[in-house]
Amino acid sequence: CATTYTYYSDAYYLEAVHYDYWGQGTQ
């Protein structure tokens, strides 16, 4: 999972480059 701060309540992002923080992953 990944997350990014945004001013836009209705926007979502398809590309990894937009995300600032990432989890460690689950198999």
mmCIF file of all heavy atoms, coordinates in Angstrom:
data_MODEL
# 
_entry.id   MODEL 
# 
loop_
_atom_site.group_PDB 
_atom_site.id 
_atom_site.type_symbol 
_atom_site.label_atom_id 
_atom_site.label_alt_id 
_atom_site.label_comp_id 
_atom_site.label_asym_id 
_atom_site.label_entity_id 
_atom_site.label_seq_id 
_atom_site.pdbx_PDB_ins_code 
_atom_site.Cartn_x 
_atom_site.Cartn_y 
_atom_site.Cartn_z 
_atom_site.occupancy 
_atom_site.B_iso_or_equiv 
_atom_site.pdbx_formal_charge 
_atom_site.auth_seq_id 
_atom_site.auth_comp_id 
_atom_site.auth_asym_id 
_atom_site.auth_atom_id 
_atom_site.pdbx_PDB_model_num 
ATOM 1   N N   . CYS A 1 1  ? 0.848   -1.182  0.000   1.00 0.00 ? 1  CYS A N   1 
ATOM 2   C CA  . CYS A 1 1  ? 0.000   0.000   0.000   1.00 0.00 ? 1  CYS A CA  1 
ATOM 3   C C   . CYS A 1 1  ? 0.892   1.242   0.000   1.00 0.00 ? 1  CYS A C   1 
ATOM 4   O O   . CYS A 1 1  ? 2.049   1.190   0.431   1.00 0.00 ? 1  CYS A O   1 
ATOM 5   C CB  . CYS A 1 1  ? -0.985  0.021   1.155   1.00 0.00 ? 1  CYS A CB  1 
ATOM 6   S SG  . CYS A 1 1  ? -0.295  0.319   2.777   1.00 0.00 ? 1  CYS A SG  1 
ATOM 7   N N   . ALA A 1 2  ? 0.331   2.314   -0.492  1.00 0.00 ? 2  ALA A N   1 
ATOM 8   C CA  . ALA A 1 2  ? 1.074   3.558   -0.616  1.00 0.00 ? 2  ALA A CA  1 
ATOM 9   C C   . ALA A 1 2  ? 0.122   4.718   -0.399  1.00 0.00 ? 2  ALA A C   1 
ATOM 10  O O   . ALA A 1 2  ? -1.093  4.589   -0.570  1.00 0.00 ? 2  ALA A O   1 
ATOM 11  C CB  . ALA A 1 2  ? 1.722   3.655   -1.996  1.00 0.00 ? 2  ALA A CB  1 
ATOM 12  N N   . THR A 1 3  ? 0.703   5.863   -0.047  1.00 0.00 ? 3  THR A N   1 
ATOM 13  C CA  . THR A 1 3  ? -0.144  7.014   0.225   1.00 0.00 ? 3  THR A CA  1 
ATOM 14  C C   . THR A 1 3  ? 0.549   8.300   -0.187  1.00 0.00 ? 3  THR A C   1 
ATOM 15  O O   . THR A 1 3  ? 1.784   8.386   -0.260  1.00 0.00 ? 3  THR A O   1 
ATOM 16  C CB  . THR A 1 3  ? -0.512  7.073   1.718   1.00 0.00 ? 3  THR A CB  1 
ATOM 17  O OG1 . THR A 1 3  ? -1.461  8.120   1.932   1.00 0.00 ? 3  THR A OG1 1 
ATOM 18  C CG2 . THR A 1 3  ? 0.709   7.350   2.592   1.00 0.00 ? 3  THR A CG2 1 
ATOM 19  N N   . THR A 1 4  ? -0.267  9.303   -0.472  1.00 0.00 ? 4  THR A N   1 
ATOM 20  C CA  . THR A 1 4  ? 0.246   10.608  -0.797  1.00 0.00 ? 4  THR A CA  1 
ATOM 21  C C   . THR A 1 4  ? -0.723  11.672  -0.298  1.00 0.00 ? 4  THR A C   1 
ATOM 22  O O   . THR A 1 4  ? -1.941  11.500  -0.383  1.00 0.00 ? 4  THR A O   1 
ATOM 23  C CB  . THR A 1 4  ? 0.450   10.772  -2.312  1.00 0.00 ? 4  THR A CB  1 
ATOM 24  O OG1 . THR A 1 4  ? 1.018   12.063  -2.582  1.00 0.00 ? 4  THR A OG1 1 
ATOM 25  C CG2 . THR A 1 4  ? -0.848  10.645  -3.076  1.00 0.00 ? 4  THR A CG2 1 
ATOM 26  N N   . TYR A 1 5  ? -0.164  12.749  0.194   1.00 0.00 ? 5  TYR A N   1 
ATOM 27  C CA  . TYR A 1 5  ? -0.987  13.878  0.641   1.00 0.00 ? 5  TYR A CA  1 
ATOM 28  C C   . TYR A 1 5  ? -1.577  14.557  -0.588  1.00 0.00 ? 5  TYR A C   1 
ATOM 29  O O   . TYR A 1 5  ? -0.890  14.738  -1.604  1.00 0.00 ? 5  TYR A O   1 
ATOM 30  C CB  . TYR A 1 5  ? -0.141  14.871  1.431   1.00 0.00 ? 5  TYR A CB  1 
ATOM 31  C CG  . TYR A 1 5  ? -0.945  16.020  1.994   1.00 0.00 ? 5  TYR A CG  1 
ATOM 32  C CD1 . TYR A 1 5  ? -1.534  15.924  3.247   1.00 0.00 ? 5  TYR A CD1 1 
ATOM 33  C CD2 . TYR A 1 5  ? -1.126  17.198  1.263   1.00 0.00 ? 5  TYR A CD2 1 
ATOM 34  C CE1 . TYR A 1 5  ? -2.273  16.964  3.776   1.00 0.00 ? 5  TYR A CE1 1 
ATOM 35  C CE2 . TYR A 1 5  ? -1.867  18.241  1.783   1.00 0.00 ? 5  TYR A CE2 1 
ATOM 36  C CZ  . TYR A 1 5  ? -2.436  18.122  3.041   1.00 0.00 ? 5  TYR A CZ  1 
ATOM 37  O OH  . TYR A 1 5  ? -3.168  19.147  3.553   1.00 0.00 ? 5  TYR A OH  1 
ATOM 38  N N   . THR A 1 6  ? -2.825  14.958  -0.490  1.00 0.00 ? 6  THR A N   1 
ATOM 39  C CA  . THR A 1 6  ? -3.454  15.658  -1.604  1.00 0.00 ? 6  THR A CA  1 
ATOM 40  C C   . THR A 1 6  ? -4.454  16.669  -1.102  1.00 0.00 ? 6  THR A C   1 
ATOM 41  O O   . THR A 1 6  ? -5.119  16.465  -0.093  1.00 0.00 ? 6  THR A O   1 
ATOM 42  C CB  . THR A 1 6  ? -4.142  14.676  -2.562  1.00 0.00 ? 6  THR A CB  1 
ATOM 43  O OG1 . THR A 1 6  ? -4.776  15.412  -3.615  1.00 0.00 ? 6  THR A OG1 1 
ATOM 44  C CG2 . THR A 1 6  ? -5.197  13.857  -1.838  1.00 0.00 ? 6  THR A CG2 1 
ATOM 45  N N   . TYR A 1 7  ? -4.558  17.779  -1.839  1.00 0.00 ? 7  TYR A N   1 
ATOM 46  C CA  . TYR A 1 7  ? -5.552  18.805  -1.525  1.00 0.00 ? 7  TYR A CA  1 
ATOM 47  C C   . TYR A 1 7  ? -6.921  18.451  -2.109  1.00 0.00 ? 7  TYR A C   1 
ATOM 48  O O   . TYR A 1 7  ? -7.923  19.068  -1.757  1.00 0.00 ? 7  TYR A O   1 
ATOM 49  C CB  . TYR A 1 7  ? -5.116  20.147  -2.098  1.00 0.00 ? 7  TYR A CB  1 
ATOM 50  C CG  . TYR A 1 7  ? -3.902  20.730  -1.412  1.00 0.00 ? 7  TYR A CG  1 
ATOM 51  C CD1 . TYR A 1 7  ? -2.646  20.641  -1.990  1.00 0.00 ? 7  TYR A CD1 1 
ATOM 52  C CD2 . TYR A 1 7  ? -4.014  21.368  -0.178  1.00 0.00 ? 7  TYR A CD2 1 
ATOM 53  C CE1 . TYR A 1 7  ? -1.538  21.168  -1.370  1.00 0.00 ? 7  TYR A CE1 1 
ATOM 54  C CE2 . TYR A 1 7  ? -2.906  21.898  0.451   1.00 0.00 ? 7  TYR A CE2 1 
ATOM 55  C CZ  . TYR A 1 7  ? -1.674  21.796  -0.153  1.00 0.00 ? 7  TYR A CZ  1 
ATOM 56  O OH  . TYR A 1 7  ? -0.566  22.325  0.465   1.00 0.00 ? 7  TYR A OH  1 
ATOM 57  N N   . TYR A 1 8  ? -6.934  17.452  -3.004  1.00 0.00 ? 8  TYR A N   1 
ATOM 58  C CA  . TYR A 1 8  ? -8.138  17.151  -3.765  1.00 0.00 ? 8  TYR A CA  1 
ATOM 59  C C   . TYR A 1 8  ? -8.848  15.938  -3.195  1.00 0.00 ? 8  TYR A C   1 
ATOM 60  O O   . TYR A 1 8  ? -8.366  14.819  -3.315  1.00 0.00 ? 8  TYR A O   1 
ATOM 61  C CB  . TYR A 1 8  ? -7.789  16.940  -5.232  1.00 0.00 ? 8  TYR A CB  1 
ATOM 62  C CG  . TYR A 1 8  ? -7.012  18.095  -5.806  1.00 0.00 ? 8  TYR A CG  1 
ATOM 63  C CD1 . TYR A 1 8  ? -5.641  17.996  -6.039  1.00 0.00 ? 8  TYR A CD1 1 
ATOM 64  C CD2 . TYR A 1 8  ? -7.631  19.299  -6.083  1.00 0.00 ? 8  TYR A CD2 1 
ATOM 65  C CE1 . TYR A 1 8  ? -4.927  19.060  -6.541  1.00 0.00 ? 8  TYR A CE1 1 
ATOM 66  C CE2 . TYR A 1 8  ? -6.923  20.378  -6.582  1.00 0.00 ? 8  TYR A CE2 1 
ATOM 67  C CZ  . TYR A 1 8  ? -5.570  20.249  -6.808  1.00 0.00 ? 8  TYR A CZ  1 
ATOM 68  O OH  . TYR A 1 8  ? -4.871  21.310  -7.298  1.00 0.00 ? 8  TYR A OH  1 
ATOM 69  N N   . SER A 1 9  ? -9.996  16.141  -2.627  1.00 0.00 ? 9  SER A N   1 
ATOM 70  C CA  . SER A 1 9  ? -10.703 15.070  -1.931  1.00 0.00 ? 9  SER A CA  1 
ATOM 71  C C   . SER A 1 9  ? -11.157 13.953  -2.852  1.00 0.00 ? 9  SER A C   1 
ATOM 72  O O   . SER A 1 9  ? -11.327 12.823  -2.400  1.00 0.00 ? 9  SER A O   1 
ATOM 73  C CB  . SER A 1 9  ? -11.916 15.646  -1.205  1.00 0.00 ? 9  SER A CB  1 
ATOM 74  O OG  . SER A 1 9  ? -11.524 16.550  -0.207  1.00 0.00 ? 9  SER A OG  1 
ATOM 75  N N   . ASP A 1 10 ? -11.359 14.258  -4.130  1.00 0.00 ? 10 ASP A N   1 
ATOM 76  C CA  . ASP A 1 10 ? -11.927 13.263  -5.040  1.00 0.00 ? 10 ASP A CA  1 
ATOM 77  C C   . ASP A 1 10 ? -10.910 12.696  -6.033  1.00 0.00 ? 10 ASP A C   1 
ATOM 78  O O   . ASP A 1 10 ? -11.293 11.956  -6.938  1.00 0.00 ? 10 ASP A O   1 
ATOM 79  C CB  . ASP A 1 10 ? -13.085 13.883  -5.816  1.00 0.00 ? 10 ASP A CB  1 
ATOM 80  C CG  . ASP A 1 10 ? -14.243 14.226  -4.898  1.00 0.00 ? 10 ASP A CG  1 
ATOM 81  O OD1 . ASP A 1 10 ? -14.431 13.522  -3.890  1.00 0.00 ? 10 ASP A OD1 1 
ATOM 82  O OD2 . ASP A 1 10 ? -14.948 15.211  -5.182  1.00 0.00 ? 10 ASP A OD2 1 
ATOM 83  N N   . ALA A 1 11 ? -9.639  13.022  -5.842  1.00 0.00 ? 11 ALA A N   1 
ATOM 84  C CA  . ALA A 1 11 ? -8.614  12.539  -6.766  1.00 0.00 ? 11 ALA A CA  1 
ATOM 85  C C   . ALA A 1 11 ? -7.997  11.230  -6.284  1.00 0.00 ? 11 ALA A C   1 
ATOM 86  O O   . ALA A 1 11 ? -7.827  11.018  -5.078  1.00 0.00 ? 11 ALA A O   1 
ATOM 87  C CB  . ALA A 1 11 ? -7.519  13.584  -6.927  1.00 0.00 ? 11 ALA A CB  1 
ATOM 88  N N   . TYR A 1 12 ? -7.675  10.373  -7.239  1.00 0.00 ? 12 TYR A N   1 
ATOM 89  C CA  . TYR A 1 12 ? -6.886  9.178   -6.927  1.00 0.00 ? 12 TYR A CA  1 
ATOM 90  C C   . TYR A 1 12 ? -5.798  9.066   -7.980  1.00 0.00 ? 12 TYR A C   1 
ATOM 91  O O   . TYR A 1 12 ? -5.893  9.660   -9.052  1.00 0.00 ? 12 TYR A O   1 
ATOM 92  C CB  . TYR A 1 12 ? -7.740  7.910   -6.867  1.00 0.00 ? 12 TYR A CB  1 
ATOM 93  C CG  . TYR A 1 12 ? -8.486  7.585   -8.131  1.00 0.00 ? 12 TYR A CG  1 
ATOM 94  C CD1 . TYR A 1 12 ? -7.910  6.805   -9.131  1.00 0.00 ? 12 TYR A CD1 1 
ATOM 95  C CD2 . TYR A 1 12 ? -9.782  8.043   -8.327  1.00 0.00 ? 12 TYR A CD2 1 
ATOM 96  C CE1 . TYR A 1 12 ? -8.594  6.506   -10.285 1.00 0.00 ? 12 TYR A CE1 1 
ATOM 97  C CE2 . TYR A 1 12 ? -10.479 7.748   -9.478  1.00 0.00 ? 12 TYR A CE2 1 
ATOM 98  C CZ  . TYR A 1 12 ? -9.885  6.980   -10.461 1.00 0.00 ? 12 TYR A CZ  1 
ATOM 99  O OH  . TYR A 1 12 ? -10.569 6.686   -11.610 1.00 0.00 ? 12 TYR A OH  1 
ATOM 100 N N   . TYR A 1 13 ? -4.768  8.304   -7.675  1.00 0.00 ? 13 TYR A N   1 
ATOM 101 C CA  . TYR A 1 13 ? -3.553  8.323   -8.483  1.00 0.00 ? 13 TYR A CA  1 
ATOM 102 C C   . TYR A 1 13 ? -3.160  6.906   -8.881  1.00 0.00 ? 13 TYR A C   1 
ATOM 103 O O   . TYR A 1 13 ? -3.078  6.013   -8.046  1.00 0.00 ? 13 TYR A O   1 
ATOM 104 C CB  . TYR A 1 13 ? -2.430  9.002   -7.699  1.00 0.00 ? 13 TYR A CB  1 
ATOM 105 C CG  . TYR A 1 13 ? -2.824  10.388  -7.250  1.00 0.00 ? 13 TYR A CG  1 
ATOM 106 C CD1 . TYR A 1 13 ? -3.365  10.607  -5.988  1.00 0.00 ? 13 TYR A CD1 1 
ATOM 107 C CD2 . TYR A 1 13 ? -2.691  11.476  -8.117  1.00 0.00 ? 13 TYR A CD2 1 
ATOM 108 C CE1 . TYR A 1 13 ? -3.756  11.876  -5.593  1.00 0.00 ? 13 TYR A CE1 1 
ATOM 109 C CE2 . TYR A 1 13 ? -3.078  12.737  -7.722  1.00 0.00 ? 13 TYR A CE2 1 
ATOM 110 C CZ  . TYR A 1 13 ? -3.618  12.934  -6.466  1.00 0.00 ? 13 TYR A CZ  1 
ATOM 111 O OH  . TYR A 1 13 ? -4.006  14.195  -6.084  1.00 0.00 ? 13 TYR A OH  1 
ATOM 112 N N   . LEU A 1 14 ? -2.887  6.746   -10.174 1.00 0.00 ? 14 LEU A N   1 
ATOM 113 C CA  . LEU A 1 14 ? -2.616  5.425   -10.721 1.00 0.00 ? 14 LEU A CA  1 
ATOM 114 C C   . LEU A 1 14 ? -1.134  5.092   -10.780 1.00 0.00 ? 14 LEU A C   1 
ATOM 115 O O   . LEU A 1 14 ? -0.771  3.927   -10.866 1.00 0.00 ? 14 LEU A O   1 
ATOM 116 C CB  . LEU A 1 14 ? -3.194  5.318   -12.133 1.00 0.00 ? 14 LEU A CB  1 
ATOM 117 C CG  . LEU A 1 14 ? -4.667  5.689   -12.304 1.00 0.00 ? 14 LEU A CG  1 
ATOM 118 C CD1 . LEU A 1 14 ? -5.105  5.453   -13.747 1.00 0.00 ? 14 LEU A CD1 1 
ATOM 119 C CD2 . LEU A 1 14 ? -5.543  4.914   -11.351 1.00 0.00 ? 14 LEU A CD2 1 
ATOM 120 N N   . GLU A 1 15 ? -0.295  6.096   -10.711 1.00 0.00 ? 15 GLU A N   1 
ATOM 121 C CA  . GLU A 1 15 ? 1.127   5.869   -10.937 1.00 0.00 ? 15 GLU A CA  1 
ATOM 122 C C   . GLU A 1 15 ? 1.915   5.971   -9.636  1.00 0.00 ? 15 GLU A C   1 
ATOM 123 O O   . GLU A 1 15 ? 1.683   6.850   -8.823  1.00 0.00 ? 15 GLU A O   1 
ATOM 124 C CB  . GLU A 1 15 ? 1.657   6.872   -11.965 1.00 0.00 ? 15 GLU A CB  1 
ATOM 125 C CG  . GLU A 1 15 ? 1.003   6.701   -13.325 1.00 0.00 ? 15 GLU A CG  1 
ATOM 126 C CD  . GLU A 1 15 ? 1.563   7.676   -14.355 1.00 0.00 ? 15 GLU A CD  1 
ATOM 127 O OE1 . GLU A 1 15 ? 2.378   8.521   -13.983 1.00 0.00 ? 15 GLU A OE1 1 
ATOM 128 O OE2 . GLU A 1 15 ? 1.190   7.552   -15.526 1.00 0.00 ? 15 GLU A OE2 1 
ATOM 129 N N   . ALA A 1 16 ? 2.890   5.071   -9.502  1.00 0.00 ? 16 ALA A N   1 
ATOM 130 C CA  . ALA A 1 16 ? 3.690   5.006   -8.285  1.00 0.00 ? 16 ALA A CA  1 
ATOM 131 C C   . ALA A 1 16 ? 4.428   6.298   -7.991  1.00 0.00 ? 16 ALA A C   1 
ATOM 132 O O   . ALA A 1 16 ? 4.672   6.622   -6.828  1.00 0.00 ? 16 ALA A O   1 
ATOM 133 C CB  . ALA A 1 16 ? 4.682   3.846   -8.392  1.00 0.00 ? 16 ALA A CB  1 
ATOM 134 N N   . VAL A 1 17 ? 4.765   7.043   -9.022  1.00 0.00 ? 17 VAL A N   1 
ATOM 135 C CA  . VAL A 1 17 ? 5.542   8.265   -8.842  1.00 0.00 ? 17 VAL A CA  1 
ATOM 136 C C   . VAL A 1 17 ? 4.799   9.288   -7.988  1.00 0.00 ? 17 VAL A C   1 
ATOM 137 O O   . VAL A 1 17 ? 5.413   10.171  -7.388  1.00 0.00 ? 17 VAL A O   1 
ATOM 138 C CB  . VAL A 1 17 ? 5.925   8.856   -10.210 1.00 0.00 ? 17 VAL A CB  1 
ATOM 139 C CG1 . VAL A 1 17 ? 4.687   9.372   -10.935 1.00 0.00 ? 17 VAL A CG1 1 
ATOM 140 C CG2 . VAL A 1 17 ? 6.954   9.937   -10.080 1.00 0.00 ? 17 VAL A CG2 1 
ATOM 141 N N   . HIS A 1 18 ? 3.488   9.175   -7.917  1.00 0.00 ? 18 HIS A N   1 
ATOM 142 C CA  . HIS A 1 18 ? 2.697   10.142  -7.140  1.00 0.00 ? 18 HIS A CA  1 
ATOM 143 C C   . HIS A 1 18 ? 2.749   9.875   -5.645  1.00 0.00 ? 18 HIS A C   1 
ATOM 144 O O   . HIS A 1 18 ? 2.362   10.728  -4.854  1.00 0.00 ? 18 HIS A O   1 
ATOM 145 C CB  . HIS A 1 18 ? 1.250   10.108  -7.596  1.00 0.00 ? 18 HIS A CB  1 
ATOM 146 C CG  . HIS A 1 18 ? 1.032   10.654  -8.973  1.00 0.00 ? 18 HIS A CG  1 
ATOM 147 N ND1 . HIS A 1 18 ? 1.199   11.989  -9.274  1.00 0.00 ? 18 HIS A ND1 1 
ATOM 148 C CD2 . HIS A 1 18 ? 0.674   10.049  -10.122 1.00 0.00 ? 18 HIS A CD2 1 
ATOM 149 C CE1 . HIS A 1 18 ? 0.947   12.184  -10.550 1.00 0.00 ? 18 HIS A CE1 1 
ATOM 150 N NE2 . HIS A 1 18 ? 0.628   11.026  -11.095 1.00 0.00 ? 18 HIS A NE2 1 
ATOM 151 N N   . TYR A 1 19 ? 3.190   8.692   -5.239  1.00 0.00 ? 19 TYR A N   1 
ATOM 152 C CA  . TYR A 1 19 ? 3.099   8.282   -3.846  1.00 0.00 ? 19 TYR A CA  1 
ATOM 153 C C   . TYR A 1 19 ? 4.391   8.546   -3.092  1.00 0.00 ? 19 TYR A C   1 
ATOM 154 O O   . TYR A 1 19 ? 5.482   8.269   -3.582  1.00 0.00 ? 19 TYR A O   1 
ATOM 155 C CB  . TYR A 1 19 ? 2.704   6.809   -3.766  1.00 0.00 ? 19 TYR A CB  1 
ATOM 156 C CG  . TYR A 1 19 ? 1.296   6.577   -4.227  1.00 0.00 ? 19 TYR A CG  1 
ATOM 157 C CD1 . TYR A 1 19 ? 1.019   6.323   -5.570  1.00 0.00 ? 19 TYR A CD1 1 
ATOM 158 C CD2 . TYR A 1 19 ? 0.229   6.661   -3.347  1.00 0.00 ? 19 TYR A CD2 1 
ATOM 159 C CE1 . TYR A 1 19 ? -0.278  6.138   -6.013  1.00 0.00 ? 19 TYR A CE1 1 
ATOM 160 C CE2 . TYR A 1 19 ? -1.066  6.465   -3.773  1.00 0.00 ? 19 TYR A CE2 1 
ATOM 161 C CZ  . TYR A 1 19 ? -1.316  6.207   -5.111  1.00 0.00 ? 19 TYR A CZ  1 
ATOM 162 O OH  . TYR A 1 19 ? -2.601  6.028   -5.533  1.00 0.00 ? 19 TYR A OH  1 
ATOM 163 N N   . ASP A 1 20 ? 4.239   9.049   -1.874  1.00 0.00 ? 20 ASP A N   1 
ATOM 164 C CA  . ASP A 1 20 ? 5.384   9.440   -1.064  1.00 0.00 ? 20 ASP A CA  1 
ATOM 165 C C   . ASP A 1 20 ? 5.771   8.406   -0.019  1.00 0.00 ? 20 ASP A C   1 
ATOM 166 O O   . ASP A 1 20 ? 6.936   8.352   0.392   1.00 0.00 ? 20 ASP A O   1 
ATOM 167 C CB  . ASP A 1 20 ? 5.069   10.756  -0.335  1.00 0.00 ? 20 ASP A CB  1 
ATOM 168 C CG  . ASP A 1 20 ? 4.749   11.887  -1.301  1.00 0.00 ? 20 ASP A CG  1 
ATOM 169 O OD1 . ASP A 1 20 ? 5.499   12.043  -2.285  1.00 0.00 ? 20 ASP A OD1 1 
ATOM 170 O OD2 . ASP A 1 20 ? 3.747   12.582  -1.085  1.00 0.00 ? 20 ASP A OD2 1 
ATOM 171 N N   . TYR A 1 21 ? 4.823   7.629   0.440   1.00 0.00 ? 21 TYR A N   1 
ATOM 172 C CA  . TYR A 1 21 ? 5.082   6.676   1.518   1.00 0.00 ? 21 TYR A CA  1 
ATOM 173 C C   . TYR A 1 21 ? 4.581   5.289   1.115   1.00 0.00 ? 21 TYR A C   1 
ATOM 174 O O   . TYR A 1 21 ? 3.511   5.164   0.495   1.00 0.00 ? 21 TYR A O   1 
ATOM 175 C CB  . TYR A 1 21 ? 4.387   7.114   2.814   1.00 0.00 ? 21 TYR A CB  1 
ATOM 176 C CG  . TYR A 1 21 ? 4.788   8.485   3.278   1.00 0.00 ? 21 TYR A CG  1 
ATOM 177 C CD1 . TYR A 1 21 ? 3.989   9.590   3.020   1.00 0.00 ? 21 TYR A CD1 1 
ATOM 178 C CD2 . TYR A 1 21 ? 5.990   8.683   3.952   1.00 0.00 ? 21 TYR A CD2 1 
ATOM 179 C CE1 . TYR A 1 21 ? 4.354   10.857  3.441   1.00 0.00 ? 21 TYR A CE1 1 
ATOM 180 C CE2 . TYR A 1 21 ? 6.366   9.952   4.378   1.00 0.00 ? 21 TYR A CE2 1 
ATOM 181 C CZ  . TYR A 1 21 ? 5.543   11.030  4.115   1.00 0.00 ? 21 TYR A CZ  1 
ATOM 182 O OH  . TYR A 1 21 ? 5.926   12.276  4.524   1.00 0.00 ? 21 TYR A OH  1 
ATOM 183 N N   . TRP A 1 22 ? 5.351   4.286   1.526   1.00 0.00 ? 22 TRP A N   1 
ATOM 184 C CA  . TRP A 1 22 ? 5.053   2.904   1.159   1.00 0.00 ? 22 TRP A CA  1 
ATOM 185 C C   . TRP A 1 22 ? 5.149   1.996   2.373   1.00 0.00 ? 22 TRP A C   1 
ATOM 186 O O   . TRP A 1 22 ? 5.972   2.225   3.271   1.00 0.00 ? 22 TRP A O   1 
ATOM 187 C CB  . TRP A 1 22 ? 6.046   2.414   0.096   1.00 0.00 ? 22 TRP A CB  1 
ATOM 188 C CG  . TRP A 1 22 ? 5.920   3.133   -1.197  1.00 0.00 ? 22 TRP A CG  1 
ATOM 189 C CD1 . TRP A 1 22 ? 6.402   4.377   -1.508  1.00 0.00 ? 22 TRP A CD1 1 
ATOM 190 C CD2 . TRP A 1 22 ? 5.239   2.679   -2.361  1.00 0.00 ? 22 TRP A CD2 1 
ATOM 191 N NE1 . TRP A 1 22 ? 6.067   4.706   -2.805  1.00 0.00 ? 22 TRP A NE1 1 
ATOM 192 C CE2 . TRP A 1 22 ? 5.350   3.677   -3.347  1.00 0.00 ? 22 TRP A CE2 1 
ATOM 193 C CE3 . TRP A 1 22 ? 4.543   1.507   -2.681  1.00 0.00 ? 22 TRP A CE3 1 
ATOM 194 C CZ2 . TRP A 1 22 ? 4.799   3.552   -4.631  1.00 0.00 ? 22 TRP A CZ2 1 
ATOM 195 C CZ3 . TRP A 1 22 ? 3.993   1.376   -3.945  1.00 0.00 ? 22 TRP A CZ3 1 
ATOM 196 C CH2 . TRP A 1 22 ? 4.129   2.389   -4.903  1.00 0.00 ? 22 TRP A CH2 1 
ATOM 197 N N   . GLY A 1 23 ? 4.325   0.961   2.366   1.00 0.00 ? 23 GLY A N   1 
ATOM 198 C CA  . GLY A 1 23 ? 4.440   -0.055  3.393   1.00 0.00 ? 23 GLY A CA  1 
ATOM 199 C C   . GLY A 1 23 ? 5.501   -1.078  3.032   1.00 0.00 ? 23 GLY A C   1 
ATOM 200 O O   . GLY A 1 23 ? 6.128   -0.999  1.973   1.00 0.00 ? 23 GLY A O   1 
ATOM 201 N N   . GLN A 1 24 ? 5.658   -2.056  3.900   1.00 0.00 ? 24 GLN A N   1 
ATOM 202 C CA  . GLN A 1 24 ? 6.708   -3.064  3.709   1.00 0.00 ? 24 GLN A CA  1 
ATOM 203 C C   . GLN A 1 24 ? 6.236   -4.217  2.832   1.00 0.00 ? 24 GLN A C   1 
ATOM 204 O O   . GLN A 1 24 ? 7.048   -5.027  2.385   1.00 0.00 ? 24 GLN A O   1 
ATOM 205 C CB  . GLN A 1 24 ? 7.193   -3.594  5.060   1.00 0.00 ? 24 GLN A CB  1 
ATOM 206 C CG  . GLN A 1 24 ? 6.335   -4.691  5.669   1.00 0.00 ? 24 GLN A CG  1 
ATOM 207 C CD  . GLN A 1 24 ? 4.985   -4.214  6.158   1.00 0.00 ? 24 GLN A CD  1 
ATOM 208 O OE1 . GLN A 1 24 ? 4.737   -3.010  6.272   1.00 0.00 ? 24 GLN A OE1 1 
ATOM 209 N NE2 . GLN A 1 24 ? 4.100   -5.154  6.480   1.00 0.00 ? 24 GLN A NE2 1 
ATOM 210 N N   . GLY A 1 25 ? 4.945   -4.307  2.612   1.00 0.00 ? 25 GLY A N   1 
ATOM 211 C CA  . GLY A 1 25 ? 4.397   -5.339  1.734   1.00 0.00 ? 25 GLY A CA  1 
ATOM 212 C C   . GLY A 1 25 ? 3.891   -6.553  2.476   1.00 0.00 ? 25 GLY A C   1 
ATOM 213 O O   . GLY A 1 25 ? 4.334   -6.862  3.582   1.00 0.00 ? 25 GLY A O   1 
ATOM 214 N N   . THR A 1 26 ? 2.951   -7.243  1.839   1.00 0.00 ? 26 THR A N   1 
ATOM 215 C CA  . THR A 1 26 ? 2.431   -8.494  2.375   1.00 0.00 ? 26 THR A CA  1 
ATOM 216 C C   . THR A 1 26 ? 2.309   -9.492  1.221   1.00 0.00 ? 26 THR A C   1 
ATOM 217 O O   . THR A 1 26 ? 1.858   -9.130  0.129   1.00 0.00 ? 26 THR A O   1 
ATOM 218 C CB  . THR A 1 26 ? 1.080   -8.286  3.086   1.00 0.00 ? 26 THR A CB  1 
ATOM 219 O OG1 . THR A 1 26 ? 0.662   -9.513  3.701   1.00 0.00 ? 26 THR A OG1 1 
ATOM 220 C CG2 . THR A 1 26 ? -0.008  -7.810  2.138   1.00 0.00 ? 26 THR A CG2 1 
ATOM 221 N N   . GLN A 1 27 ? 2.731   -10.717 1.461   1.00 0.00 ? 27 GLN A N   1 
ATOM 222 C CA  . GLN A 1 27 ? 2.769   -11.718 0.402   1.00 0.00 ? 27 GLN A CA  1 
ATOM 223 C C   . GLN A 1 27 ? 1.393   -12.338 0.186   1.00 0.00 ? 27 GLN A C   1 
ATOM 224 O O   . GLN A 1 27 ? 0.736   -12.765 1.153   1.00 0.00 ? 27 GLN A O   1 
ATOM 225 C CB  . GLN A 1 27 ? 3.773   -12.822 0.760   1.00 0.00 ? 27 GLN A CB  1 
ATOM 226 C CG  . GLN A 1 27 ? 3.840   -13.966 -0.234  1.00 0.00 ? 27 GLN A CG  1 
ATOM 227 C CD  . GLN A 1 27 ? 4.486   -13.571 -1.547  1.00 0.00 ? 27 GLN A CD  1 
ATOM 228 O OE1 . GLN A 1 27 ? 5.551   -12.953 -1.570  1.00 0.00 ? 27 GLN A OE1 1 
ATOM 229 N NE2 . GLN A 1 27 ? 3.853   -13.937 -2.656  1.00 0.00 ? 27 GLN A NE2 1 
# 
